[in-house]
Amino acid sequence: MPRQVVSSSMDAMSVDRVQAETGPSETTVGSRPVRRQIVGTDLCVHPLALGCNAFGWTATNDASLAILDAHRDLGGNFLDTADSFAAGRSEVIIGSWLRSRGARAETVLATKIGRNLDNPGLTQRSIVAAVEASLVRLGTDYVDLLYFHFDDKTVALEESLVAVDALMRAGKVRYLGASNFSAERLMEARVLSALGLPKFVAAETPYNLVHRAELEKDVAVVARAQHLALMPGFALAHGFLAGAYRNKADAADTARGQLAKVYLNRRSLRVLAVVDRIAAAQGTAPASIALAWLLARPDVVAPVAGAGRADQVQSLVAATGIRLGRNDLLDLDRVSAY
């Protein structure tokens, strides 16, 4: 039977009610790893999407392949990339890995289009060209989940959806998601889907313990009403919530550290201190706690988090086995409230 991720302090009646009313379900079959189904699709994904933006950027080819191997060996099956990551190099590395491991059939592959300089924006021409180019780099005939990487307001959303409809009919795209879309545009898309155009099944937006307001104020409300799977992007705030950057010196010498240094402030460091305390009490890594908090949020299916080394993958996947207690959830909610 499917079961909902809930606080360990909830009684059986509460568990049944949550299962019936909200959120993604998890299933296991024998010793096979846990999977969550994206509503409205036949995609069953591991609750940790491996973010692949470091591939070809801060992670070398060999390091990237080792990260992919580690993720698969720990039960992962969900990869998240984009045609703009390292100017397409991320997709090339993933394609090489899929071929060499014979892993395409068992992998749920998500990629994003719209930001690659060769095919910018979401015009019909750019979308078709971008998908064709991604398929070549990935070495596959289809993408399981295609995201619009951003909301291109210079193009009528109807035009963009018509382009994807043709790609779906050709079998090159299975499902569609929205990345960095406003609540208003998600509502517009739902109206268009009622007219027969492709509908969004997932929404990816920045969301983590130190970046909550953008999603919670309106996007989450619309996502719930539309039964969209929430895929929190930058789930570890560029490594800050993993404890990688605690002062300016830590962040000074790396590209990712430069992105994370925006969180080196009193509020975010108070959040990290609570994450550290709970991690120490549970004997796990801070990253696991930060991701476990996301996995306990309503409608979150799979946070997107990346690694720079293979030995970092364990702490990401470990989050799926952590059940935070009621007091831990309350403490994290309070310290991170905006």
C-alpha atoms as a PDB file:
ATOM      1  CA  MET A   1       0.000   0.000   0.000  1.00  0.00           C
ATOM      2  CA  PRO A   2       1.251   3.524  -0.681  1.00  0.00           C
ATOM      3  CA  ARG A   3       2.344   5.386   2.415  1.00  0.00           C
ATOM      4  CA  GLN A   4       2.778   9.090   3.024  1.00  0.00           C
ATOM      5  CA  VAL A   5       5.915  10.545   4.621  1.00  0.00           C
ATOM      6  CA  VAL A   6       4.748  11.868   8.001  1.00  0.00           C
ATOM      7  CA  SER A   7       6.166  12.893  11.335  1.00  0.00           C
ATOM      8  CA  SER A   8       6.879   9.882  13.531  1.00  0.00           C
ATOM      9  CA  SER A   9       4.751  11.423  16.295  1.00  0.00           C
ATOM     10  CA  MET A  10       1.498  11.302  14.295  1.00  0.00           C
ATOM     11  CA  ASP A  11      -1.060   8.744  15.413  1.00  0.00           C
ATOM     12  CA  ALA A  12      -2.534   6.140  13.061  1.00  0.00           C
ATOM     13  CA  MET A  13      -5.698   8.165  12.443  1.00  0.00           C
ATOM     14  CA  SER A  14      -3.623  11.204  11.430  1.00  0.00           C
ATOM     15  CA  VAL A  15      -1.544   9.083   9.095  1.00  0.00           C
ATOM     16  CA  ASP A  16      -4.627   7.713   7.350  1.00  0.00           C
ATOM     17  CA  ARG A  17      -6.082  11.190   6.954  1.00  0.00           C
ATOM     18  CA  VAL A  18      -2.872  12.603   5.438  1.00  0.00           C
ATOM     19  CA  GLN A  19      -2.615   9.663   3.068  1.00  0.00           C
ATOM     20  CA  ALA A  20      -6.125  10.240   1.840  1.00  0.00           C
ATOM     21  CA  GLU A  21      -5.892  14.008   1.440  1.00  0.00           C
ATOM     22  CA  THR A  22      -2.480  15.225   0.347  1.00  0.00           C
ATOM     23  CA  GLY A  23       0.958  14.677  -0.978  1.00  0.00           C
ATOM     24  CA  PRO A  24       2.936  12.151  -2.953  1.00  0.00           C
ATOM     25  CA  SER A  25       2.964   8.497  -2.030  1.00  0.00           C
ATOM     26  CA  GLU A  26       5.924   6.180  -1.623  1.00  0.00           C
ATOM     27  CA  THR A  27       6.019   2.543  -2.603  1.00  0.00           C
ATOM     28  CA  THR A  28       8.483  -0.273  -2.151  1.00  0.00           C
ATOM     29  CA  VAL A  29       8.451  -3.707  -3.746  1.00  0.00           C
ATOM     30  CA  GLY A  30      10.443  -6.296  -1.842  1.00  0.00           C
ATOM     31  CA  SER A  31      13.986  -4.981  -1.482  1.00  0.00           C
ATOM     32  CA  ARG A  32      13.661  -2.483  -4.319  1.00  0.00           C
ATOM     33  CA  PRO A  33      14.246   1.168  -3.459  1.00  0.00           C
ATOM     34  CA  VAL A  34      11.495   3.596  -2.602  1.00  0.00           C
ATOM     35  CA  ARG A  35       9.740   5.377  -5.451  1.00  0.00           C
ATOM     36  CA  ARG A  36       7.251   8.242  -5.659  1.00  0.00           C
ATOM     37  CA  GLN A  37       4.811   8.535  -8.535  1.00  0.00           C
ATOM     38  CA  ILE A  38       4.366  11.892 -10.240  1.00  0.00           C
ATOM     39  CA  VAL A  39       0.609  12.462 -10.289  1.00  0.00           C
ATOM     40  CA  GLY A  40      -0.943  12.169 -13.729  1.00  0.00           C
ATOM     41  CA  THR A  41       1.997  10.213 -15.150  1.00  0.00           C
ATOM     42  CA  ASP A  42       3.490   6.748 -15.081  1.00  0.00           C
ATOM     43  CA  LEU A  43       6.814   8.148 -13.866  1.00  0.00           C
ATOM     44  CA  CYS A  44       7.959   6.589 -10.594  1.00  0.00           C
ATOM     45  CA  VAL A  45      10.988   8.407  -9.242  1.00  0.00           C
ATOM     46  CA  HIS A  46      13.381   8.124  -6.362  1.00  0.00           C
ATOM     47  CA  PRO A  47      12.627  10.918  -3.855  1.00  0.00           C
ATOM     48  CA  LEU A  48      16.023  12.511  -4.499  1.00  0.00           C
ATOM     49  CA  ALA A  49      16.572  13.939  -7.956  1.00  0.00           C
ATOM     50  CA  LEU A  50      20.273  14.116  -8.703  1.00  0.00           C
ATOM     51  CA  GLY A  51      21.048  17.625  -9.886  1.00  0.00           C
ATOM     52  CA  CYS A  52      23.608  17.476 -12.685  1.00  0.00           C
ATOM     53  CA  ASN A  53      24.523  21.141 -13.071  1.00  0.00           C
ATOM     54  CA  ALA A  54      28.063  20.532 -11.782  1.00  0.00           C
ATOM     55  CA  PHE A  55      28.854  18.053 -14.566  1.00  0.00           C
ATOM     56  CA  GLY A  56      31.372  19.580 -16.928  1.00  0.00           C
ATOM     57  CA  TRP A  57      31.595  22.665 -14.702  1.00  0.00           C
ATOM     58  CA  THR A  58      32.968  22.002 -11.214  1.00  0.00           C
ATOM     59  CA  ALA A  59      32.960  18.215 -11.656  1.00  0.00           C
ATOM     60  CA  THR A  60      35.223  16.595 -14.240  1.00  0.00           C
ATOM     61  CA  ASN A  61      34.033  13.920 -16.637  1.00  0.00           C
ATOM     62  CA  ASP A  62      35.397  11.097 -14.478  1.00  0.00           C
ATOM     63  CA  ALA A  63      34.019  12.618 -11.272  1.00  0.00           C
ATOM     64  CA  SER A  64      30.606  13.041 -12.909  1.00  0.00           C
ATOM     65  CA  LEU A  65      30.499   9.404 -14.015  1.00  0.00           C
ATOM     66  CA  ALA A  66      31.441   8.294 -10.506  1.00  0.00           C
ATOM     67  CA  ILE A  67      28.654  10.455  -9.037  1.00  0.00           C
ATOM     68  CA  LEU A  68      26.128   8.917 -11.418  1.00  0.00           C
ATOM     69  CA  ASP A  69      27.317   5.423 -10.518  1.00  0.00           C
ATOM     70  CA  ALA A  70      27.048   6.145  -6.794  1.00  0.00           C
ATOM     71  CA  HIS A  71      23.550   7.562  -7.198  1.00  0.00           C
ATOM     72  CA  ARG A  72      22.371   4.516  -9.140  1.00  0.00           C
ATOM     73  CA  ASP A  73      24.025   2.083  -6.723  1.00  0.00           C
ATOM     74  CA  LEU A  74      22.164   3.716  -3.827  1.00  0.00           C
ATOM     75  CA  GLY A  75      18.812   3.288  -5.557  1.00  0.00           C
ATOM     76  CA  GLY A  76      18.553   6.576  -7.444  1.00  0.00           C
ATOM     77  CA  ASN A  77      16.853   6.698 -10.835  1.00  0.00           C
ATOM     78  CA  PHE A  78      15.974  10.393 -11.351  1.00  0.00           C
ATOM     79  CA  LEU A  79      18.386  12.781 -13.109  1.00  0.00           C
ATOM     80  CA  ASP A  80      17.834  16.528 -13.481  1.00  0.00           C
ATOM     81  CA  THR A  81      19.857  18.492 -16.025  1.00  0.00           C
ATOM     82  CA  ALA A  82      19.479  21.323 -18.572  1.00  0.00           C
ATOM     83  CA  ASP A  83      20.688  22.121 -22.048  1.00  0.00           C
ATOM     84  CA  SER A  84      22.461  25.188 -20.639  1.00  0.00           C
ATOM     85  CA  PHE A  85      24.441  23.407 -17.907  1.00  0.00           C
ATOM     86  CA  ALA A  86      28.091  23.762 -18.922  1.00  0.00           C
ATOM     87  CA  ALA A  87      26.831  24.767 -22.399  1.00  0.00           C
ATOM     88  CA  GLY A  88      25.377  21.287 -22.908  1.00  0.00           C
ATOM     89  CA  ARG A  89      28.333  19.377 -21.493  1.00  0.00           C
ATOM     90  CA  SER A  90      26.208  18.028 -18.628  1.00  0.00           C
ATOM     91  CA  GLU A  91      23.873  16.349 -21.107  1.00  0.00           C
ATOM     92  CA  VAL A  92      26.822  14.914 -23.043  1.00  0.00           C
ATOM     93  CA  ILE A  93      28.248  13.337 -19.877  1.00  0.00           C
ATOM     94  CA  ILE A  94      24.881  11.891 -18.902  1.00  0.00           C
ATOM     95  CA  GLY A  95      24.420  10.492 -22.405  1.00  0.00           C
ATOM     96  CA  SER A  96      27.819   8.823 -22.235  1.00  0.00           C
ATOM     97  CA  TRP A  97      26.944   7.305 -18.861  1.00  0.00           C
ATOM     98  CA  LEU A  98      23.535   6.066 -20.012  1.00  0.00           C
ATOM     99  CA  ARG A  99      25.083   4.297 -23.011  1.00  0.00           C
ATOM    100  CA  SER A 100      28.050   2.779 -21.194  1.00  0.00           C
ATOM    101  CA  ARG A 101      25.913   1.490 -18.306  1.00  0.00           C
ATOM    102  CA  GLY A 102      22.899   0.468 -20.399  1.00  0.00           C
ATOM    103  CA  ALA A 103      20.843   2.509 -17.969  1.00  0.00           C
ATOM    104  CA  ARG A 104      18.399   4.433 -20.140  1.00  0.00           C
ATOM    105  CA  ALA A 105      15.336   2.257 -19.557  1.00  0.00           C
ATOM    106  CA  GLU A 106      15.683   2.393 -15.769  1.00  0.00           C
ATOM    107  CA  THR A 107      16.408   6.135 -15.614  1.00  0.00           C
ATOM    108  CA  VAL A 108      13.850   8.924 -15.411  1.00  0.00           C
ATOM    109  CA  LEU A 109      15.503  11.733 -17.339  1.00  0.00           C
ATOM    110  CA  ALA A 110      14.518  15.378 -16.892  1.00  0.00           C
ATOM    111  CA  THR A 111      16.098  18.219 -18.814  1.00  0.00           C
ATOM    112  CA  LYS A 112      15.330  21.912 -19.185  1.00  0.00           C
ATOM    113  CA  ILE A 113      15.360  24.111 -22.268  1.00  0.00           C
ATOM    114  CA  GLY A 114      15.283  27.834 -22.941  1.00  0.00           C
ATOM    115  CA  ARG A 115      18.616  29.103 -21.647  1.00  0.00           C
ATOM    116  CA  ASN A 116      21.043  27.553 -24.105  1.00  0.00           C
ATOM    117  CA  LEU A 117      22.541  30.328 -26.246  1.00  0.00           C
ATOM    118  CA  ASP A 118      22.188  28.241 -29.413  1.00  0.00           C
ATOM    119  CA  ASN A 119      18.414  27.924 -28.943  1.00  0.00           C
ATOM    120  CA  PRO A 120      17.345  30.664 -26.551  1.00  0.00           C
ATOM    121  CA  GLY A 121      13.834  31.309 -25.353  1.00  0.00           C
ATOM    122  CA  LEU A 122      10.606  29.402 -25.841  1.00  0.00           C
ATOM    123  CA  THR A 123       9.534  30.147 -29.384  1.00  0.00           C
ATOM    124  CA  GLN A 124       8.262  27.190 -31.351  1.00  0.00           C
ATOM    125  CA  ARG A 125      11.453  27.120 -33.406  1.00  0.00           C
ATOM    126  CA  SER A 126      13.737  27.295 -30.366  1.00  0.00           C
ATOM    127  CA  ILE A 127      11.855  24.580 -28.491  1.00  0.00           C
ATOM    128  CA  VAL A 128      11.982  22.104 -31.349  1.00  0.00           C
ATOM    129  CA  ALA A 129      15.647  22.802 -32.067  1.00  0.00           C
ATOM    130  CA  ALA A 130      16.570  22.669 -28.386  1.00  0.00           C
ATOM    131  CA  VAL A 131      14.870  19.312 -27.819  1.00  0.00           C
ATOM    132  CA  GLU A 132      16.448  17.812 -30.932  1.00  0.00           C
ATOM    133  CA  ALA A 133      19.882  19.005 -29.772  1.00  0.00           C
ATOM    134  CA  SER A 134      19.330  17.651 -26.251  1.00  0.00           C
ATOM    135  CA  LEU A 135      18.318  14.256 -27.600  1.00  0.00           C
ATOM    136  CA  VAL A 136      21.563  14.087 -29.588  1.00  0.00           C
ATOM    137  CA  ARG A 137      23.673  15.054 -26.563  1.00  0.00           C
ATOM    138  CA  LEU A 138      21.806  12.643 -24.285  1.00  0.00           C
ATOM    139  CA  GLY A 139      21.962   9.846 -26.848  1.00  0.00           C
ATOM    140  CA  THR A 140      18.297   8.989 -26.463  1.00  0.00           C
ATOM    141  CA  ASP A 141      15.090   9.105 -28.484  1.00  0.00           C
ATOM    142  CA  TYR A 142      12.963  10.719 -25.777  1.00  0.00           C
ATOM    143  CA  VAL A 143      12.994  12.829 -22.629  1.00  0.00           C
ATOM    144  CA  ASP A 144      10.796  11.672 -19.754  1.00  0.00           C
ATOM    145  CA  LEU A 145      10.220  15.131 -18.304  1.00  0.00           C
ATOM    146  CA  LEU A 146      10.917  18.321 -20.242  1.00  0.00           C
ATOM    147  CA  TYR A 147      10.971  21.586 -18.305  1.00  0.00           C
ATOM    148  CA  PHE A 148      10.639  25.090 -19.639  1.00  0.00           C
ATOM    149  CA  HIS A 149      13.683  26.481 -17.812  1.00  0.00           C
ATOM    150  CA  PHE A 150      12.098  29.876 -17.295  1.00  0.00           C
ATOM    151  CA  ASP A 151       8.981  31.806 -18.209  1.00  0.00           C
ATOM    152  CA  ASP A 152       9.675  33.505 -21.538  1.00  0.00           C
ATOM    153  CA  LYS A 153       7.162  36.343 -21.434  1.00  0.00           C
ATOM    154  CA  THR A 154       8.160  37.523 -24.906  1.00  0.00           C
ATOM    155  CA  VAL A 155       6.391  34.473 -26.335  1.00  0.00           C
ATOM    156  CA  ALA A 156       2.736  33.544 -26.044  1.00  0.00           C
ATOM    157  CA  LEU A 157       2.512  30.514 -23.770  1.00  0.00           C
ATOM    158  CA  GLU A 158       0.125  28.941 -26.258  1.00  0.00           C
ATOM    159  CA  GLU A 159       2.883  28.948 -28.920  1.00  0.00           C
ATOM    160  CA  SER A 160       5.274  27.184 -26.578  1.00  0.00           C
ATOM    161  CA  LEU A 161       2.716  24.547 -25.640  1.00  0.00           C
ATOM    162  CA  VAL A 162       1.813  23.913 -29.282  1.00  0.00           C
ATOM    163  CA  ALA A 163       5.488  23.172 -29.975  1.00  0.00           C
ATOM    164  CA  VAL A 164       5.644  20.679 -27.117  1.00  0.00           C
ATOM    165  CA  ASP A 165       2.406  19.073 -28.247  1.00  0.00           C
ATOM    166  CA  ALA A 166       4.030  18.231 -31.585  1.00  0.00           C
ATOM    167  CA  LEU A 167       7.083  16.804 -29.815  1.00  0.00           C
ATOM    168  CA  MET A 168       4.870  14.678 -27.583  1.00  0.00           C
ATOM    169  CA  ARG A 169       2.940  13.339 -30.541  1.00  0.00           C
ATOM    170  CA  ALA A 170       6.281  12.399 -32.120  1.00  0.00           C
ATOM    171  CA  GLY A 171       7.268  10.504 -28.955  1.00  0.00           C
ATOM    172  CA  LYS A 172      10.233  12.755 -28.209  1.00  0.00           C
ATOM    173  CA  VAL A 173       8.834  14.241 -24.984  1.00  0.00           C
ATOM    174  CA  ARG A 174       6.704  12.307 -22.517  1.00  0.00           C
ATOM    175  CA  TYR A 175       5.685  14.911 -19.934  1.00  0.00           C
ATOM    176  CA  LEU A 176       6.084  18.650 -19.380  1.00  0.00           C
ATOM    177  CA  GLY A 177       7.163  20.669 -16.355  1.00  0.00           C
ATOM    178  CA  ALA A 178       7.619  24.339 -15.488  1.00  0.00           C
ATOM    179  CA  SER A 179      10.774  25.757 -13.927  1.00  0.00           C
ATOM    180  CA  ASN A 180      10.804  29.225 -12.345  1.00  0.00           C
ATOM    181  CA  PHE A 181       7.212  29.994 -13.341  1.00  0.00           C
ATOM    182  CA  SER A 182       4.962  32.359 -11.395  1.00  0.00           C
ATOM    183  CA  ALA A 183       1.655  31.259  -9.948  1.00  0.00           C
ATOM    184  CA  GLU A 184      -0.156  33.426 -12.464  1.00  0.00           C
ATOM    185  CA  ARG A 185       1.488  31.765 -15.442  1.00  0.00           C
ATOM    186  CA  LEU A 186       0.835  28.304 -14.004  1.00  0.00           C
ATOM    187  CA  MET A 187      -2.846  29.217 -13.851  1.00  0.00           C
ATOM    188  CA  GLU A 188      -2.750  30.446 -17.444  1.00  0.00           C
ATOM    189  CA  ALA A 189      -1.147  27.167 -18.499  1.00  0.00           C
ATOM    190  CA  ARG A 190      -3.906  25.181 -16.833  1.00  0.00           C
ATOM    191  CA  VAL A 191      -6.541  27.121 -18.775  1.00  0.00           C
ATOM    192  CA  LEU A 192      -4.710  26.323 -22.014  1.00  0.00           C
ATOM    193  CA  SER A 193      -4.423  22.649 -21.077  1.00  0.00           C
ATOM    194  CA  ALA A 194      -8.211  22.551 -20.699  1.00  0.00           C
ATOM    195  CA  LEU A 195      -8.342  23.484 -24.389  1.00  0.00           C
ATOM    196  CA  GLY A 196      -6.306  20.404 -25.282  1.00  0.00           C
ATOM    197  CA  LEU A 197      -2.714  21.635 -25.050  1.00  0.00           C
ATOM    198  CA  PRO A 198      -0.101  19.811 -22.932  1.00  0.00           C
ATOM    199  CA  LYS A 199      -0.369  20.381 -19.209  1.00  0.00           C
ATOM    200  CA  PHE A 200       2.379  20.839 -16.671  1.00  0.00           C
ATOM    201  CA  VAL A 201       2.764  17.897 -14.292  1.00  0.00           C
ATOM    202  CA  ALA A 202       5.665  19.273 -12.249  1.00  0.00           C
ATOM    203  CA  ALA A 203       6.993  22.600 -11.020  1.00  0.00           C
ATOM    204  CA  GLU A 204      10.639  23.161 -10.163  1.00  0.00           C
ATOM    205  CA  THR A 205      11.463  26.302  -8.226  1.00  0.00           C
ATOM    206  CA  PRO A 206      14.164  27.318  -5.715  1.00  0.00           C
ATOM    207  CA  TYR A 207      13.052  26.102  -2.295  1.00  0.00           C
ATOM    208  CA  ASN A 208      14.998  25.232   0.841  1.00  0.00           C
ATOM    209  CA  LEU A 209      15.263  26.131   4.525  1.00  0.00           C
ATOM    210  CA  VAL A 210      16.834  29.516   3.765  1.00  0.00           C
ATOM    211  CA  HIS A 211      14.718  30.279   0.680  1.00  0.00           C
ATOM    212  CA  ARG A 212      11.063  29.613   1.448  1.00  0.00           C
ATOM    213  CA  ALA A 213       8.939  32.652   0.629  1.00  0.00           C
ATOM    214  CA  GLU A 214       9.068  32.480  -3.178  1.00  0.00           C
ATOM    215  CA  LEU A 215       7.350  29.109  -3.292  1.00  0.00           C
ATOM    216  CA  GLU A 216       5.183  29.145  -0.179  1.00  0.00           C
ATOM    217  CA  LYS A 217       3.433  32.488  -0.745  1.00  0.00           C
ATOM    218  CA  ASP A 218       1.673  31.540  -3.967  1.00  0.00           C
ATOM    219  CA  VAL A 219       3.310  28.901  -6.162  1.00  0.00           C
ATOM    220  CA  ALA A 220       2.678  26.119  -3.638  1.00  0.00           C
ATOM    221  CA  VAL A 221      -1.011  27.037  -3.436  1.00  0.00           C
ATOM    222  CA  VAL A 222      -1.437  26.824  -7.201  1.00  0.00           C
ATOM    223  CA  ALA A 223       0.650  23.651  -7.390  1.00  0.00           C
ATOM    224  CA  ARG A 224      -1.600  21.958  -4.863  1.00  0.00           C
ATOM    225  CA  ALA A 225      -4.760  23.037  -6.662  1.00  0.00           C
ATOM    226  CA  GLN A 226      -3.374  21.670  -9.943  1.00  0.00           C
ATOM    227  CA  HIS A 227      -1.867  18.508  -8.389  1.00  0.00           C
ATOM    228  CA  LEU A 228       1.602  19.492  -9.618  1.00  0.00           C
ATOM    229  CA  ALA A 229       4.606  17.629  -8.299  1.00  0.00           C
ATOM    230  CA  LEU A 230       6.910  20.075  -6.530  1.00  0.00           C
ATOM    231  CA  MET A 231      10.602  19.598  -7.255  1.00  0.00           C
ATOM    232  CA  PRO A 232      12.562  22.001  -5.028  1.00  0.00           C
ATOM    233  CA  GLY A 233      15.580  23.369  -6.881  1.00  0.00           C
ATOM    234  CA  PHE A 234      18.796  24.409  -5.120  1.00  0.00           C
ATOM    235  CA  ALA A 235      17.599  22.210  -2.259  1.00  0.00           C
ATOM    236  CA  LEU A 236      20.857  22.683  -0.345  1.00  0.00           C
ATOM    237  CA  ALA A 237      21.317  26.384  -1.189  1.00  0.00           C
ATOM    238  CA  HIS A 238      24.460  25.776  -3.267  1.00  0.00           C
ATOM    239  CA  GLY A 239      25.948  23.633  -0.496  1.00  0.00           C
ATOM    240  CA  PHE A 240      25.326  26.057   2.380  1.00  0.00           C
ATOM    241  CA  LEU A 241      22.823  23.716   4.064  1.00  0.00           C
ATOM    242  CA  ALA A 242      25.300  20.867   3.722  1.00  0.00           C
ATOM    243  CA  GLY A 243      27.623  22.867   5.975  1.00  0.00           C
ATOM    244  CA  ALA A 244      30.189  23.395   3.249  1.00  0.00           C
ATOM    245  CA  TYR A 245      30.368  27.178   3.687  1.00  0.00           C
ATOM    246  CA  ARG A 246      30.306  28.653   7.189  1.00  0.00           C
ATOM    247  CA  ASN A 247      32.329  31.820   6.653  1.00  0.00           C
ATOM    248  CA  LYS A 248      33.693  33.981   3.863  1.00  0.00           C
ATOM    249  CA  ALA A 249      36.967  32.063   3.783  1.00  0.00           C
ATOM    250  CA  ASP A 250      35.130  28.806   3.051  1.00  0.00           C
ATOM    251  CA  ALA A 251      33.334  30.401   0.125  1.00  0.00           C
ATOM    252  CA  ALA A 252      36.250  32.338  -1.310  1.00  0.00           C
ATOM    253  CA  ASP A 253      37.984  29.863  -3.583  1.00  0.00           C
ATOM    254  CA  THR A 254      35.239  27.924  -5.358  1.00  0.00           C
ATOM    255  CA  ALA A 255      32.637  28.804  -7.983  1.00  0.00           C
ATOM    256  CA  ARG A 256      29.852  27.243  -5.935  1.00  0.00           C
ATOM    257  CA  GLY A 257      31.071  29.037  -2.830  1.00  0.00           C
ATOM    258  CA  GLN A 258      30.614  32.339  -4.608  1.00  0.00           C
ATOM    259  CA  LEU A 259      26.961  31.439  -5.126  1.00  0.00           C
ATOM    260  CA  ALA A 260      26.538  30.279  -1.526  1.00  0.00           C
ATOM    261  CA  LYS A 261      28.060  33.328   0.123  1.00  0.00           C
ATOM    262  CA  VAL A 262      24.742  35.198  -0.114  1.00  0.00           C
ATOM    263  CA  TYR A 263      23.612  32.973   2.780  1.00  0.00           C
ATOM    264  CA  LEU A 264      26.438  33.996   5.084  1.00  0.00           C
ATOM    265  CA  ASN A 265      24.202  36.115   7.299  1.00  0.00           C
ATOM    266  CA  ARG A 266      22.813  35.821  10.813  1.00  0.00           C
ATOM    267  CA  ARG A 267      19.441  34.406   9.848  1.00  0.00           C
ATOM    268  CA  SER A 268      20.810  31.659   7.609  1.00  0.00           C
ATOM    269  CA  LEU A 269      23.535  30.736  10.067  1.00  0.00           C
ATOM    270  CA  ARG A 270      20.881  30.329  12.788  1.00  0.00           C
ATOM    271  CA  VAL A 271      19.053  27.939  10.453  1.00  0.00           C
ATOM    272  CA  LEU A 272      22.256  25.992   9.845  1.00  0.00           C
ATOM    273  CA  ALA A 273      22.897  25.757  13.599  1.00  0.00           C
ATOM    274  CA  VAL A 274      19.534  24.018  14.109  1.00  0.00           C
ATOM    275  CA  VAL A 275      20.224  21.716  11.161  1.00  0.00           C
ATOM    276  CA  ASP A 276      23.624  20.888  12.714  1.00  0.00           C
ATOM    277  CA  ARG A 277      22.047  20.120  16.098  1.00  0.00           C
ATOM    278  CA  ILE A 278      19.439  17.758  14.654  1.00  0.00           C
ATOM    279  CA  ALA A 279      22.027  16.083  12.415  1.00  0.00           C
ATOM    280  CA  ALA A 280      24.321  15.474  15.385  1.00  0.00           C
ATOM    281  CA  ALA A 281      21.468  14.002  17.415  1.00  0.00           C
ATOM    282  CA  GLN A 282      20.566  11.632  14.572  1.00  0.00           C
ATOM    283  CA  GLY A 283      24.160  10.788  13.687  1.00  0.00           C
ATOM    284  CA  THR A 284      23.790  11.965  10.110  1.00  0.00           C
ATOM    285  CA  ALA A 285      24.987  14.763   7.834  1.00  0.00           C
ATOM    286  CA  PRO A 286      23.445  18.260   7.780  1.00  0.00           C
ATOM    287  CA  ALA A 287      22.549  17.774   4.109  1.00  0.00           C
ATOM    288  CA  SER A 288      20.401  14.772   5.011  1.00  0.00           C
ATOM    289  CA  ILE A 289      18.412  16.794   7.543  1.00  0.00           C
ATOM    290  CA  ALA A 290      17.883  19.746   5.201  1.00  0.00           C
ATOM    291  CA  LEU A 291      16.582  17.401   2.498  1.00  0.00           C
ATOM    292  CA  ALA A 292      14.461  15.399   4.947  1.00  0.00           C
ATOM    293  CA  TRP A 293      12.684  18.644   5.923  1.00  0.00           C
ATOM    294  CA  LEU A 294      11.833  19.213   2.255  1.00  0.00           C
ATOM    295  CA  LEU A 295      10.598  15.649   1.844  1.00  0.00           C
ATOM    296  CA  ALA A 296       8.179  16.225   4.714  1.00  0.00           C
ATOM    297  CA  ARG A 297       6.651  19.292   3.016  1.00  0.00           C
ATOM    298  CA  PRO A 298       3.263  18.976   1.293  1.00  0.00           C
ATOM    299  CA  ASP A 299       3.352  18.008  -2.391  1.00  0.00           C
ATOM    300  CA  VAL A 300       7.146  17.769  -2.581  1.00  0.00           C
ATOM    301  CA  VAL A 301       8.035  14.735  -4.681  1.00  0.00           C
ATOM    302  CA  ALA A 302      11.802  14.971  -5.105  1.00  0.00           C
ATOM    303  CA  PRO A 303      14.188  17.742  -4.064  1.00  0.00           C
ATOM    304  CA  VAL A 304      16.920  18.427  -6.612  1.00  0.00           C
ATOM    305  CA  ALA A 305      20.404  18.287  -5.110  1.00  0.00           C
ATOM    306  CA  GLY A 306      23.797  17.763  -6.689  1.00  0.00           C
ATOM    307  CA  ALA A 307      27.196  16.551  -5.615  1.00  0.00           C
ATOM    308  CA  GLY A 308      30.725  17.468  -6.586  1.00  0.00           C
ATOM    309  CA  ARG A 309      32.183  14.107  -5.550  1.00  0.00           C
ATOM    310  CA  ALA A 310      30.872  10.549  -5.420  1.00  0.00           C
ATOM    311  CA  ASP A 311      31.372  10.332  -1.655  1.00  0.00           C
ATOM    312  CA  GLN A 312      28.851  13.156  -1.166  1.00  0.00           C
ATOM    313  CA  VAL A 313      25.974  11.234  -2.744  1.00  0.00           C
ATOM    314  CA  GLN A 314      25.361   9.062   0.318  1.00  0.00           C
ATOM    315  CA  SER A 315      24.263  12.022   2.442  1.00  0.00           C
ATOM    316  CA  LEU A 316      21.806  13.093  -0.257  1.00  0.00           C
ATOM    317  CA  VAL A 317      20.136   9.713  -0.669  1.00  0.00           C
ATOM    318  CA  ALA A 318      20.172   9.093   3.094  1.00  0.00           C
ATOM    319  CA  ALA A 319      17.571  11.834   3.489  1.00  0.00           C
ATOM    320  CA  THR A 320      14.901   9.553   2.036  1.00  0.00           C
ATOM    321  CA  GLY A 321      15.235   7.230   5.029  1.00  0.00           C
ATOM    322  CA  ILE A 322      15.005   9.929   7.700  1.00  0.00           C
ATOM    323  CA  ARG A 323      11.737  10.648   9.496  1.00  0.00           C
ATOM    324  CA  LEU A 324      11.999  13.893  11.402  1.00  0.00           C
ATOM    325  CA  GLY A 325      10.095  14.031  14.673  1.00  0.00           C
ATOM    326  CA  ARG A 326       7.426  16.624  15.384  1.00  0.00           C
ATOM    327  CA  ASN A 327       9.713  18.739  17.569  1.00  0.00           C
ATOM    328  CA  ASP A 328      12.476  18.727  14.965  1.00  0.00           C
ATOM    329  CA  LEU A 329      10.045  19.839  12.259  1.00  0.00           C
ATOM    330  CA  LEU A 330       8.691  22.608  14.479  1.00  0.00           C
ATOM    331  CA  ASP A 331      12.183  23.834  15.306  1.00  0.00           C
ATOM    332  CA  LEU A 332      13.189  23.917  11.655  1.00  0.00           C
ATOM    333  CA  ASP A 333       9.954  25.642  10.660  1.00  0.00           C
ATOM    334  CA  ARG A 334      10.361  28.320  13.309  1.00  0.00           C
ATOM    335  CA  VAL A 335      14.002  29.152  12.700  1.00  0.00           C
ATOM    336  CA  SER A 336      13.544  29.311   8.938  1.00  0.00           C
ATOM    337  CA  ALA A 337      10.248  31.246   8.909  1.00  0.00           C
ATOM    338  CA  TYR A 338      10.323  34.330   6.704  1.00  0.00           C
END
